[in-house]
Amino acid sequence: MPTVGLFNNEGQKVGDIELSEKVFGAEVNADALHQVVVALLANKRQGTQSAKTRTEVSGGGIKPWRQKGTGRARQGSIRSPQWIHGGIVFAPKPRDYRVSIPKSMRRTAMISALSSKVADNEIVVLEDLKFDAPKTKEAIKLLKAFEAKKALIVVSESDENVYKSIRNIPGAAVVPANNINVYDILKYEKFIITKDAVSKIEEVYA
């Protein structure tokens, strides 16, 4: 079983904690990670872009000048793509970018992402994380203690004081354990997680 340090809010080590081998010590599957990250980013796209083709632009129903004898290039419509205010060639239309990923692959990718953080020594386990009131200074002090410029902080349950303390810090984010995803885990350099959140994740994925 992988063993990592257990820290308090001041960044002081207070002991060690054993993590589940199935969740935090598995072999990293790079292919699954790649496919799930691509799917997550694709699913975030709104797909609402839209432009008009030459058939949809208003006007241009009459031939601008006669076919021959003017010395100018022949034109059939002032809404052809080469004209200003003309239609767009292969105009983008609203579409769904959603990619479906099998549940087993999503599970494999999540376990791989968590295991990679342990393997790269980028995981920090906290005894607990609580603030009596929103205190950004305390949150900054916590991140400095672990030299975390970009950090994802995972708590067991939503806590308004913790959220408000961290939301204004550039490069830091806080999410409850049931809302984590592969992209966010890989995006941030440090993965800071509470002891209770570890138990929740292990309960689901072990």
N, C-alpha and C. Protein backbone atom coordinates (compact mmCIF):
# COMPACT_ATOMS: atom_id res chain seq x y z
N MET A 1 0.83 -1.20 0.00
CA MET A 1 0.00 0.00 0.00
C MET A 1 0.87 1.25 0.00
N PRO A 2 0.53 2.24 -0.85
CA PRO A 2 1.31 3.48 -0.82
C PRO A 2 1.06 4.25 0.48
N THR A 3 2.12 4.76 1.06
CA THR A 3 2.03 5.53 2.30
C THR A 3 2.51 6.95 2.06
N VAL A 4 1.72 7.92 2.47
CA VAL A 4 2.10 9.33 2.31
C VAL A 4 1.96 10.02 3.65
N GLY A 5 2.53 11.22 3.73
CA GLY A 5 2.49 11.98 4.97
C GLY A 5 1.11 12.56 5.24
N LEU A 6 0.81 12.70 6.52
CA LEU A 6 -0.44 13.33 6.95
C LEU A 6 -0.07 14.66 7.60
N PHE A 7 -0.68 15.76 7.13
CA PHE A 7 -0.29 17.10 7.58
C PHE A 7 -1.47 17.83 8.23
N ASN A 8 -1.11 18.83 9.05
CA ASN A 8 -2.15 19.70 9.60
C ASN A 8 -2.23 20.98 8.76
N ASN A 9 -3.07 21.93 9.17
CA ASN A 9 -3.28 23.16 8.39
C ASN A 9 -2.05 24.06 8.32
N GLU A 10 -1.12 23.87 9.25
CA GLU A 10 0.09 24.70 9.25
C GLU A 10 1.19 24.11 8.37
N GLY A 11 0.91 22.96 7.77
CA GLY A 11 1.92 22.34 6.91
C GLY A 11 2.88 21.45 7.66
N GLN A 12 2.56 21.13 8.93
CA GLN A 12 3.44 20.29 9.74
C GLN A 12 2.99 18.84 9.65
N LYS A 13 3.94 17.97 9.50
CA LYS A 13 3.64 16.55 9.39
C LYS A 13 3.27 16.00 10.76
N VAL A 14 2.14 15.32 10.83
CA VAL A 14 1.68 14.77 12.12
C VAL A 14 1.63 13.25 12.10
N GLY A 15 1.98 12.66 10.97
CA GLY A 15 1.97 11.20 10.89
C GLY A 15 1.96 10.73 9.45
N ASP A 16 1.60 9.49 9.25
CA ASP A 16 1.51 8.90 7.92
C ASP A 16 0.13 8.28 7.73
N ILE A 17 -0.25 8.13 6.48
CA ILE A 17 -1.53 7.50 6.18
C ILE A 17 -1.34 6.52 5.02
N GLU A 18 -1.93 5.34 5.17
CA GLU A 18 -1.86 4.34 4.12
C GLU A 18 -3.05 4.51 3.17
N LEU A 19 -2.75 4.54 1.88
CA LEU A 19 -3.79 4.71 0.87
C LEU A 19 -4.08 3.37 0.20
N SER A 20 -5.27 3.24 -0.34
CA SER A 20 -5.66 1.99 -0.98
C SER A 20 -4.80 1.72 -2.22
N GLU A 21 -4.29 0.51 -2.30
CA GLU A 21 -3.47 0.11 -3.46
C GLU A 21 -4.28 0.14 -4.74
N LYS A 22 -5.57 -0.22 -4.66
CA LYS A 22 -6.41 -0.28 -5.85
C LYS A 22 -6.71 1.10 -6.44
N VAL A 23 -6.71 2.12 -5.57
CA VAL A 23 -7.08 3.47 -6.01
C VAL A 23 -5.88 4.36 -6.22
N PHE A 24 -4.91 4.31 -5.31
CA PHE A 24 -3.78 5.24 -5.35
C PHE A 24 -2.45 4.58 -5.72
N GLY A 25 -2.49 3.28 -5.97
CA GLY A 25 -1.23 2.59 -6.30
C GLY A 25 -1.32 1.76 -7.55
N ALA A 26 -2.30 2.06 -8.40
CA ALA A 26 -2.49 1.28 -9.62
C ALA A 26 -1.55 1.74 -10.73
N GLU A 27 -1.45 0.91 -11.75
CA GLU A 27 -0.63 1.27 -12.93
C GLU A 27 -1.36 2.37 -13.71
N VAL A 28 -0.60 3.37 -14.14
CA VAL A 28 -1.20 4.51 -14.85
C VAL A 28 -1.46 4.13 -16.30
N ASN A 29 -2.70 4.28 -16.72
CA ASN A 29 -3.11 3.98 -18.09
C ASN A 29 -3.19 5.30 -18.88
N ALA A 30 -2.12 5.63 -19.60
CA ALA A 30 -2.04 6.91 -20.30
C ALA A 30 -3.11 7.04 -21.40
N ASP A 31 -3.42 5.94 -22.08
CA ASP A 31 -4.42 5.98 -23.15
C ASP A 31 -5.81 6.34 -22.60
N ALA A 32 -6.16 5.73 -21.48
CA ALA A 32 -7.46 6.03 -20.87
C ALA A 32 -7.51 7.48 -20.40
N LEU A 33 -6.42 7.95 -19.82
CA LEU A 33 -6.35 9.35 -19.37
C LEU A 33 -6.58 10.30 -20.54
N HIS A 34 -5.90 10.01 -21.66
CA HIS A 34 -6.00 10.89 -22.83
C HIS A 34 -7.43 10.93 -23.37
N GLN A 35 -8.03 9.76 -23.52
CA GLN A 35 -9.37 9.71 -24.09
C GLN A 35 -10.41 10.39 -23.21
N VAL A 36 -10.28 10.22 -21.90
CA VAL A 36 -11.25 10.82 -20.98
C VAL A 36 -11.07 12.34 -20.93
N VAL A 37 -9.82 12.81 -20.95
CA VAL A 37 -9.58 14.26 -20.94
C VAL A 37 -10.13 14.91 -22.22
N VAL A 38 -9.89 14.27 -23.35
CA VAL A 38 -10.42 14.78 -24.63
C VAL A 38 -11.94 14.84 -24.58
N ALA A 39 -12.56 13.80 -24.03
CA ALA A 39 -14.02 13.76 -23.93
C ALA A 39 -14.54 14.86 -23.00
N LEU A 40 -13.87 15.06 -21.86
CA LEU A 40 -14.30 16.09 -20.92
C LEU A 40 -14.23 17.48 -21.54
N LEU A 41 -13.15 17.75 -22.27
CA LEU A 41 -13.01 19.07 -22.91
C LEU A 41 -14.02 19.24 -24.04
N ALA A 42 -14.28 18.17 -24.77
CA ALA A 42 -15.26 18.24 -25.86
C ALA A 42 -16.66 18.48 -25.30
N ASN A 43 -16.97 17.84 -24.17
CA ASN A 43 -18.30 17.97 -23.58
C ASN A 43 -18.53 19.35 -22.97
N LYS A 44 -17.45 20.10 -22.74
CA LYS A 44 -17.59 21.46 -22.22
C LYS A 44 -17.94 22.46 -23.32
N ARG A 45 -17.74 22.07 -24.58
CA ARG A 45 -18.00 23.00 -25.69
C ARG A 45 -19.50 23.23 -25.85
N GLN A 46 -19.87 24.48 -26.04
CA GLN A 46 -21.29 24.80 -26.18
C GLN A 46 -21.83 24.38 -27.54
N GLY A 47 -21.02 24.53 -28.58
CA GLY A 47 -21.46 24.15 -29.92
C GLY A 47 -22.56 25.05 -30.46
N THR A 48 -22.54 26.33 -30.05
CA THR A 48 -23.60 27.25 -30.49
C THR A 48 -23.15 28.19 -31.61
N GLN A 49 -21.94 27.97 -32.13
CA GLN A 49 -21.45 28.84 -33.20
C GLN A 49 -22.32 28.71 -34.45
N SER A 50 -22.53 29.81 -35.14
CA SER A 50 -23.38 29.76 -36.33
C SER A 50 -23.06 30.93 -37.25
N ALA A 51 -22.98 30.66 -38.54
CA ALA A 51 -22.80 31.70 -39.56
C ALA A 51 -23.67 31.36 -40.76
N LYS A 52 -23.91 32.36 -41.61
CA LYS A 52 -24.83 32.17 -42.73
C LYS A 52 -24.09 31.83 -44.02
N THR A 53 -24.65 30.89 -44.76
CA THR A 53 -24.13 30.58 -46.08
C THR A 53 -24.74 31.56 -47.08
N ARG A 54 -24.36 31.47 -48.35
CA ARG A 54 -24.86 32.42 -49.35
C ARG A 54 -26.37 32.29 -49.56
N THR A 55 -26.91 31.13 -49.24
CA THR A 55 -28.36 30.97 -49.41
C THR A 55 -29.15 31.61 -48.27
N GLU A 56 -28.47 31.87 -47.14
CA GLU A 56 -29.16 32.40 -45.97
C GLU A 56 -29.00 33.91 -45.79
N VAL A 57 -28.00 34.51 -46.47
CA VAL A 57 -27.79 35.95 -46.36
C VAL A 57 -28.87 36.66 -47.15
N SER A 58 -29.46 37.71 -46.55
CA SER A 58 -30.55 38.42 -47.24
C SER A 58 -30.00 39.25 -48.40
N GLY A 59 -30.79 39.37 -49.46
CA GLY A 59 -30.39 40.16 -50.62
C GLY A 59 -29.66 39.32 -51.65
N GLY A 60 -29.18 39.99 -52.69
CA GLY A 60 -28.37 39.32 -53.71
C GLY A 60 -29.17 38.52 -54.70
N GLY A 61 -30.44 38.80 -54.81
CA GLY A 61 -31.27 38.02 -55.72
C GLY A 61 -31.09 38.39 -57.18
N ILE A 62 -30.61 39.60 -57.45
CA ILE A 62 -30.46 40.06 -58.84
C ILE A 62 -28.99 40.01 -59.25
N LYS A 63 -28.75 39.73 -60.51
CA LYS A 63 -27.38 39.71 -61.04
C LYS A 63 -26.87 41.16 -61.04
N PRO A 64 -25.69 41.42 -60.42
CA PRO A 64 -25.24 42.83 -60.27
C PRO A 64 -24.97 43.56 -61.59
N TRP A 65 -24.47 42.89 -62.60
CA TRP A 65 -24.31 43.47 -63.93
C TRP A 65 -24.36 42.36 -64.98
N ARG A 66 -24.52 42.77 -66.22
CA ARG A 66 -24.68 41.76 -67.26
C ARG A 66 -23.43 40.90 -67.39
N GLN A 67 -23.64 39.74 -67.98
CA GLN A 67 -22.58 38.72 -68.03
C GLN A 67 -21.37 39.19 -68.84
N LYS A 68 -21.61 39.81 -69.98
CA LYS A 68 -20.49 40.11 -70.87
C LYS A 68 -20.49 41.60 -71.26
N GLY A 69 -19.32 42.06 -71.65
CA GLY A 69 -19.24 43.39 -72.23
C GLY A 69 -18.88 44.51 -71.27
N THR A 70 -18.79 44.24 -69.97
CA THR A 70 -18.48 45.33 -69.02
C THR A 70 -16.98 45.41 -68.72
N GLY A 71 -16.25 44.37 -69.05
CA GLY A 71 -14.83 44.35 -68.73
C GLY A 71 -14.55 43.84 -67.32
N ARG A 72 -15.58 43.63 -66.56
CA ARG A 72 -15.41 43.13 -65.20
C ARG A 72 -15.68 41.62 -65.14
N ALA A 73 -15.23 41.02 -64.07
CA ALA A 73 -15.45 39.58 -63.91
C ALA A 73 -16.94 39.29 -63.78
N ARG A 74 -17.37 38.18 -64.30
CA ARG A 74 -18.78 37.81 -64.24
C ARG A 74 -19.18 37.54 -62.79
N GLN A 75 -20.34 38.03 -62.42
CA GLN A 75 -20.87 37.84 -61.07
C GLN A 75 -22.34 37.48 -61.15
N GLY A 76 -22.76 36.58 -60.27
CA GLY A 76 -24.16 36.17 -60.28
C GLY A 76 -24.93 36.76 -59.12
N SER A 77 -24.21 37.13 -58.04
CA SER A 77 -24.90 37.62 -56.84
C SER A 77 -23.91 38.41 -55.98
N ILE A 78 -24.40 39.47 -55.34
CA ILE A 78 -23.53 40.23 -54.43
C ILE A 78 -23.43 39.56 -53.07
N ARG A 79 -24.05 38.39 -52.92
CA ARG A 79 -23.94 37.63 -51.68
C ARG A 79 -23.07 36.39 -51.85
N SER A 80 -22.31 36.33 -52.95
CA SER A 80 -21.33 35.25 -53.13
C SER A 80 -20.22 35.43 -52.09
N PRO A 81 -19.52 34.37 -51.71
CA PRO A 81 -18.52 34.44 -50.63
C PRO A 81 -17.41 35.47 -50.85
N GLN A 82 -17.07 35.78 -52.12
CA GLN A 82 -15.96 36.72 -52.33
C GLN A 82 -16.37 38.17 -52.10
N TRP A 83 -17.64 38.43 -51.94
CA TRP A 83 -18.13 39.79 -51.72
C TRP A 83 -18.16 40.12 -50.23
N ILE A 84 -17.93 41.41 -49.90
CA ILE A 84 -18.13 41.89 -48.54
C ILE A 84 -19.62 41.73 -48.23
N HIS A 85 -19.92 41.26 -47.06
CA HIS A 85 -21.29 40.94 -46.62
C HIS A 85 -21.87 39.73 -47.37
N GLY A 86 -20.99 39.00 -48.05
CA GLY A 86 -21.44 37.78 -48.72
C GLY A 86 -21.54 36.64 -47.72
N GLY A 87 -22.01 35.50 -48.20
CA GLY A 87 -22.14 34.32 -47.34
C GLY A 87 -20.79 33.72 -46.99
N ILE A 88 -20.78 32.83 -46.00
CA ILE A 88 -19.56 32.16 -45.55
C ILE A 88 -19.49 30.78 -46.19
N VAL A 89 -18.31 30.46 -46.73
CA VAL A 89 -18.11 29.13 -47.31
C VAL A 89 -18.00 28.12 -46.16
N PHE A 90 -18.72 27.01 -46.26
CA PHE A 90 -18.72 25.97 -45.22
C PHE A 90 -18.98 26.59 -43.83
N ALA A 91 -20.02 27.39 -43.75
CA ALA A 91 -20.33 28.11 -42.51
C ALA A 91 -20.53 27.15 -41.34
N PRO A 92 -19.95 27.48 -40.17
CA PRO A 92 -20.17 26.62 -39.00
C PRO A 92 -21.62 26.69 -38.54
N LYS A 93 -22.14 25.57 -38.13
CA LYS A 93 -23.53 25.49 -37.67
C LYS A 93 -23.58 24.86 -36.27
N PRO A 94 -24.62 25.14 -35.51
CA PRO A 94 -24.73 24.53 -34.17
C PRO A 94 -24.61 23.00 -34.25
N ARG A 95 -23.80 22.45 -33.34
CA ARG A 95 -23.62 21.00 -33.33
C ARG A 95 -23.30 20.53 -31.92
N ASP A 96 -23.44 19.27 -31.70
CA ASP A 96 -23.17 18.67 -30.40
C ASP A 96 -21.80 18.00 -30.45
N TYR A 97 -20.88 18.45 -29.58
CA TYR A 97 -19.53 17.90 -29.56
C TYR A 97 -19.39 16.75 -28.56
N ARG A 98 -20.48 16.37 -27.91
CA ARG A 98 -20.42 15.40 -26.83
C ARG A 98 -19.82 14.06 -27.28
N VAL A 99 -18.92 13.57 -26.44
CA VAL A 99 -18.27 12.27 -26.69
C VAL A 99 -18.65 11.34 -25.54
N SER A 100 -19.08 10.14 -25.88
CA SER A 100 -19.48 9.17 -24.87
C SER A 100 -18.30 8.26 -24.53
N ILE A 101 -18.03 8.13 -23.25
CA ILE A 101 -16.93 7.29 -22.79
C ILE A 101 -17.51 6.18 -21.89
N PRO A 102 -17.11 4.93 -22.09
CA PRO A 102 -17.61 3.84 -21.25
C PRO A 102 -17.30 4.07 -19.77
N LYS A 103 -18.19 3.63 -18.92
CA LYS A 103 -18.03 3.82 -17.48
C LYS A 103 -16.74 3.18 -16.96
N SER A 104 -16.40 2.02 -17.53
CA SER A 104 -15.19 1.33 -17.09
C SER A 104 -13.93 2.13 -17.42
N MET A 105 -13.95 2.81 -18.57
CA MET A 105 -12.79 3.63 -18.96
C MET A 105 -12.69 4.88 -18.08
N ARG A 106 -13.85 5.46 -17.75
CA ARG A 106 -13.84 6.63 -16.86
C ARG A 106 -13.27 6.25 -15.49
N ARG A 107 -13.64 5.06 -15.03
CA ARG A 107 -13.14 4.58 -13.75
C ARG A 107 -11.63 4.34 -13.80
N THR A 108 -11.18 3.71 -14.89
CA THR A 108 -9.74 3.44 -15.07
C THR A 108 -8.95 4.74 -15.10
N ALA A 109 -9.49 5.74 -15.82
CA ALA A 109 -8.81 7.03 -15.93
C ALA A 109 -8.73 7.74 -14.58
N MET A 110 -9.80 7.68 -13.80
CA MET A 110 -9.80 8.32 -12.48
C MET A 110 -8.76 7.69 -11.57
N ILE A 111 -8.72 6.37 -11.54
CA ILE A 111 -7.74 5.66 -10.72
C ILE A 111 -6.32 5.97 -11.20
N SER A 112 -6.13 6.05 -12.52
CA SER A 112 -4.81 6.38 -13.07
C SER A 112 -4.38 7.79 -12.68
N ALA A 113 -5.33 8.73 -12.72
CA ALA A 113 -5.00 10.11 -12.36
C ALA A 113 -4.60 10.21 -10.89
N LEU A 114 -5.36 9.55 -10.02
CA LEU A 114 -5.04 9.58 -8.59
C LEU A 114 -3.70 8.89 -8.32
N SER A 115 -3.47 7.77 -8.98
CA SER A 115 -2.22 7.04 -8.79
C SER A 115 -1.02 7.84 -9.29
N SER A 116 -1.21 8.59 -10.37
CA SER A 116 -0.10 9.40 -10.92
C SER A 116 0.31 10.49 -9.94
N LYS A 117 -0.64 11.03 -9.19
CA LYS A 117 -0.32 12.07 -8.21
C LYS A 117 0.53 11.50 -7.07
N VAL A 118 0.22 10.26 -6.68
CA VAL A 118 1.02 9.61 -5.64
C VAL A 118 2.41 9.28 -6.18
N ALA A 119 2.46 8.75 -7.40
CA ALA A 119 3.74 8.36 -8.01
C ALA A 119 4.65 9.56 -8.21
N ASP A 120 4.07 10.71 -8.53
CA ASP A 120 4.87 11.93 -8.77
C ASP A 120 5.07 12.76 -7.51
N ASN A 121 4.63 12.22 -6.37
CA ASN A 121 4.78 12.91 -5.08
C ASN A 121 4.11 14.29 -5.10
N GLU A 122 2.94 14.35 -5.70
CA GLU A 122 2.21 15.62 -5.82
C GLU A 122 0.93 15.62 -4.99
N ILE A 123 0.81 14.67 -4.08
CA ILE A 123 -0.40 14.57 -3.25
C ILE A 123 -0.07 15.01 -1.82
N VAL A 124 -0.99 15.74 -1.22
CA VAL A 124 -0.87 16.16 0.18
C VAL A 124 -2.17 15.78 0.89
N VAL A 125 -2.07 15.03 1.97
CA VAL A 125 -3.26 14.64 2.73
C VAL A 125 -3.30 15.45 4.02
N LEU A 126 -4.44 16.13 4.23
CA LEU A 126 -4.63 16.94 5.43
C LEU A 126 -5.49 16.19 6.44
N GLU A 127 -5.20 16.42 7.72
CA GLU A 127 -6.06 15.86 8.78
C GLU A 127 -7.49 16.37 8.61
N ASP A 128 -7.59 17.67 8.41
CA ASP A 128 -8.90 18.31 8.24
C ASP A 128 -8.67 19.70 7.67
N LEU A 129 -9.69 20.27 7.10
CA LEU A 129 -9.59 21.64 6.56
C LEU A 129 -10.87 22.39 6.91
N LYS A 130 -10.74 23.29 7.89
CA LYS A 130 -11.89 24.07 8.30
C LYS A 130 -11.46 25.49 8.62
N PHE A 131 -12.34 26.45 8.32
CA PHE A 131 -12.12 27.84 8.67
C PHE A 131 -13.35 28.31 9.45
N ASP A 132 -13.10 29.08 10.52
CA ASP A 132 -14.21 29.61 11.31
C ASP A 132 -15.03 30.61 10.51
N ALA A 133 -14.36 31.28 9.58
CA ALA A 133 -15.00 32.27 8.70
C ALA A 133 -14.16 32.32 7.43
N PRO A 134 -14.68 32.92 6.35
CA PRO A 134 -13.86 33.04 5.13
C PRO A 134 -12.56 33.80 5.39
N LYS A 135 -11.43 33.14 5.25
CA LYS A 135 -10.13 33.76 5.53
C LYS A 135 -9.15 33.42 4.42
N THR A 136 -9.06 34.30 3.44
CA THR A 136 -8.16 34.05 2.31
C THR A 136 -6.70 34.02 2.75
N LYS A 137 -6.34 34.84 3.73
CA LYS A 137 -4.95 34.85 4.22
C LYS A 137 -4.55 33.50 4.76
N GLU A 138 -5.45 32.86 5.49
CA GLU A 138 -5.16 31.54 6.04
C GLU A 138 -5.00 30.51 4.92
N ALA A 139 -5.83 30.64 3.90
CA ALA A 139 -5.74 29.70 2.77
C ALA A 139 -4.42 29.89 2.02
N ILE A 140 -4.00 31.15 1.85
CA ILE A 140 -2.72 31.43 1.17
C ILE A 140 -1.57 30.86 1.99
N LYS A 141 -1.65 31.01 3.29
CA LYS A 141 -0.60 30.48 4.18
C LYS A 141 -0.50 28.96 4.04
N LEU A 142 -1.68 28.31 3.94
CA LEU A 142 -1.70 26.86 3.77
C LEU A 142 -1.02 26.43 2.47
N LEU A 143 -1.33 27.13 1.37
CA LEU A 143 -0.74 26.79 0.08
C LEU A 143 0.77 27.04 0.07
N LYS A 144 1.19 28.11 0.73
CA LYS A 144 2.63 28.41 0.79
C LYS A 144 3.38 27.35 1.58
N ALA A 145 2.72 26.81 2.59
CA ALA A 145 3.36 25.77 3.41
C ALA A 145 3.72 24.54 2.59
N PHE A 146 2.93 24.28 1.55
CA PHE A 146 3.17 23.12 0.69
C PHE A 146 3.78 23.51 -0.66
N GLU A 147 4.17 24.79 -0.79
CA GLU A 147 4.77 25.31 -2.03
C GLU A 147 3.87 24.98 -3.23
N ALA A 148 2.58 25.24 -3.06
CA ALA A 148 1.60 24.91 -4.09
C ALA A 148 1.16 26.18 -4.82
N LYS A 149 1.71 26.38 -6.01
CA LYS A 149 1.31 27.54 -6.83
C LYS A 149 -0.02 27.26 -7.54
N LYS A 150 -0.18 26.02 -7.99
CA LYS A 150 -1.44 25.60 -8.60
C LYS A 150 -1.92 24.36 -7.85
N ALA A 151 -3.05 24.48 -7.19
CA ALA A 151 -3.48 23.37 -6.34
C ALA A 151 -4.97 23.12 -6.46
N LEU A 152 -5.32 21.84 -6.47
CA LEU A 152 -6.72 21.42 -6.39
C LEU A 152 -6.93 20.90 -4.98
N ILE A 153 -7.86 21.52 -4.26
CA ILE A 153 -8.13 21.14 -2.88
C ILE A 153 -9.45 20.37 -2.84
N VAL A 154 -9.38 19.16 -2.37
CA VAL A 154 -10.56 18.28 -2.34
C VAL A 154 -11.01 18.08 -0.90
N VAL A 155 -12.27 18.39 -0.63
CA VAL A 155 -12.84 18.22 0.71
C VAL A 155 -13.94 17.17 0.64
N SER A 156 -14.31 16.63 1.78
CA SER A 156 -15.30 15.56 1.79
C SER A 156 -16.70 16.07 1.44
N GLU A 157 -17.03 17.27 1.92
CA GLU A 157 -18.33 17.87 1.64
C GLU A 157 -18.17 19.36 1.40
N SER A 158 -19.13 19.96 0.71
CA SER A 158 -19.07 21.39 0.43
C SER A 158 -19.05 22.18 1.74
N ASP A 159 -18.11 23.14 1.81
CA ASP A 159 -17.98 24.00 2.98
C ASP A 159 -17.87 25.43 2.49
N GLU A 160 -18.84 26.25 2.84
CA GLU A 160 -18.88 27.62 2.31
C GLU A 160 -17.67 28.44 2.74
N ASN A 161 -17.23 28.28 3.98
CA ASN A 161 -16.07 29.04 4.46
C ASN A 161 -14.80 28.66 3.71
N VAL A 162 -14.62 27.37 3.47
CA VAL A 162 -13.45 26.90 2.72
C VAL A 162 -13.52 27.41 1.28
N TYR A 163 -14.70 27.29 0.67
CA TYR A 163 -14.87 27.75 -0.72
C TYR A 163 -14.58 29.24 -0.85
N LYS A 164 -15.13 30.05 0.03
CA LYS A 164 -14.94 31.50 -0.05
C LYS A 164 -13.50 31.91 0.27
N SER A 165 -12.81 31.11 1.07
CA SER A 165 -11.42 31.41 1.41
C SER A 165 -10.48 31.18 0.24
N ILE A 166 -10.86 30.26 -0.64
CA ILE A 166 -9.95 29.83 -1.71
C ILE A 166 -10.33 30.39 -3.08
N ARG A 167 -11.60 30.79 -3.27
CA ARG A 167 -12.08 31.13 -4.60
C ARG A 167 -11.34 32.30 -5.25
N ASN A 168 -10.78 33.23 -4.44
CA ASN A 168 -10.10 34.40 -5.01
C ASN A 168 -8.60 34.20 -5.19
N ILE A 169 -8.10 33.01 -4.89
CA ILE A 169 -6.67 32.75 -5.04
C ILE A 169 -6.38 32.24 -6.44
N PRO A 170 -5.59 32.98 -7.23
CA PRO A 170 -5.28 32.52 -8.60
C PRO A 170 -4.57 31.16 -8.57
N GLY A 171 -4.99 30.25 -9.42
CA GLY A 171 -4.32 28.96 -9.52
C GLY A 171 -4.77 27.93 -8.50
N ALA A 172 -5.80 28.27 -7.71
CA ALA A 172 -6.29 27.32 -6.71
C ALA A 172 -7.79 27.10 -6.89
N ALA A 173 -8.24 25.90 -6.60
CA ALA A 173 -9.66 25.58 -6.70
C ALA A 173 -10.01 24.56 -5.62
N VAL A 174 -11.25 24.60 -5.19
CA VAL A 174 -11.71 23.64 -4.18
C VAL A 174 -12.97 22.95 -4.68
N VAL A 175 -13.02 21.62 -4.53
CA VAL A 175 -14.18 20.84 -4.96
C VAL A 175 -14.47 19.75 -3.94
N PRO A 176 -15.74 19.37 -3.78
CA PRO A 176 -16.05 18.23 -2.92
C PRO A 176 -15.63 16.93 -3.60
N ALA A 177 -15.43 15.91 -2.82
CA ALA A 177 -14.90 14.64 -3.34
C ALA A 177 -15.76 14.03 -4.43
N ASN A 178 -17.08 14.24 -4.36
CA ASN A 178 -17.96 13.63 -5.36
C ASN A 178 -18.01 14.41 -6.68
N ASN A 179 -17.27 15.54 -6.76
CA ASN A 179 -17.27 16.34 -7.99
C ASN A 179 -15.93 16.37 -8.71
N ILE A 180 -14.96 15.61 -8.26
CA ILE A 180 -13.65 15.66 -8.91
C ILE A 180 -13.73 14.98 -10.28
N ASN A 181 -12.87 15.43 -11.18
CA ASN A 181 -12.77 14.78 -12.49
C ASN A 181 -11.31 14.67 -12.90
N VAL A 182 -11.06 13.85 -13.89
CA VAL A 182 -9.69 13.54 -14.32
C VAL A 182 -8.95 14.79 -14.79
N TYR A 183 -9.63 15.63 -15.57
CA TYR A 183 -8.99 16.82 -16.12
C TYR A 183 -8.48 17.74 -15.01
N ASP A 184 -9.31 17.99 -13.99
CA ASP A 184 -8.90 18.87 -12.90
C ASP A 184 -7.74 18.29 -12.10
N ILE A 185 -7.76 16.98 -11.90
CA ILE A 185 -6.68 16.34 -11.14
C ILE A 185 -5.34 16.54 -11.85
N LEU A 186 -5.34 16.36 -13.17
CA LEU A 186 -4.09 16.48 -13.94
C LEU A 186 -3.69 17.94 -14.17
N LYS A 187 -4.68 18.83 -14.19
CA LYS A 187 -4.43 20.24 -14.51
C LYS A 187 -3.61 20.94 -13.43
N TYR A 188 -3.86 20.59 -12.17
CA TYR A 188 -3.19 21.28 -11.06
C TYR A 188 -1.95 20.50 -10.61
N GLU A 189 -0.92 21.26 -10.21
CA GLU A 189 0.35 20.64 -9.82
C GLU A 189 0.20 19.84 -8.52
N LYS A 190 -0.46 20.46 -7.54
CA LYS A 190 -0.62 19.81 -6.24
C LYS A 190 -2.05 19.31 -6.06
N PHE A 191 -2.17 18.15 -5.48
CA PHE A 191 -3.47 17.56 -5.19
C PHE A 191 -3.59 17.47 -3.68
N ILE A 192 -4.27 18.46 -3.08
CA ILE A 192 -4.42 18.54 -1.64
C ILE A 192 -5.79 17.99 -1.26
N ILE A 193 -5.80 16.99 -0.40
CA ILE A 193 -7.05 16.30 -0.09
C ILE A 193 -7.15 16.03 1.41
N THR A 194 -8.34 16.13 1.94
CA THR A 194 -8.52 15.84 3.37
C THR A 194 -8.64 14.34 3.59
N LYS A 195 -8.39 13.94 4.83
CA LYS A 195 -8.43 12.52 5.19
C LYS A 195 -9.82 11.93 4.93
N ASP A 196 -10.87 12.70 5.26
CA ASP A 196 -12.24 12.22 5.05
C ASP A 196 -12.55 12.05 3.56
N ALA A 197 -12.01 12.97 2.74
CA ALA A 197 -12.24 12.88 1.30
C ALA A 197 -11.55 11.65 0.71
N VAL A 198 -10.39 11.30 1.25
CA VAL A 198 -9.69 10.07 0.82
C VAL A 198 -10.58 8.86 1.07
N SER A 199 -11.19 8.82 2.26
CA SER A 199 -12.07 7.70 2.60
C SER A 199 -13.25 7.61 1.65
N LYS A 200 -13.81 8.76 1.29
CA LYS A 200 -14.95 8.77 0.37
C LYS A 200 -14.56 8.25 -1.00
N ILE A 201 -13.41 8.69 -1.50
CA ILE A 201 -12.94 8.27 -2.83
C ILE A 201 -12.64 6.78 -2.83
N GLU A 202 -11.98 6.30 -1.77
CA GLU A 202 -11.67 4.88 -1.69
C GLU A 202 -12.94 4.04 -1.59
N GLU A 203 -13.94 4.57 -0.93
CA GLU A 203 -15.21 3.85 -0.81
C GLU A 203 -15.87 3.64 -2.17
N VAL A 204 -15.70 4.61 -3.04
CA VAL A 204 -16.32 4.55 -4.37
C VAL A 204 -15.49 3.70 -5.34
N TYR A 205 -14.19 3.91 -5.35
CA TYR A 205 -13.35 3.31 -6.39
C TYR A 205 -12.61 2.03 -5.98
N ALA A 206 -12.57 1.73 -4.68
CA ALA A 206 -11.87 0.51 -4.26
C ALA A 206 -12.79 -0.70 -4.32
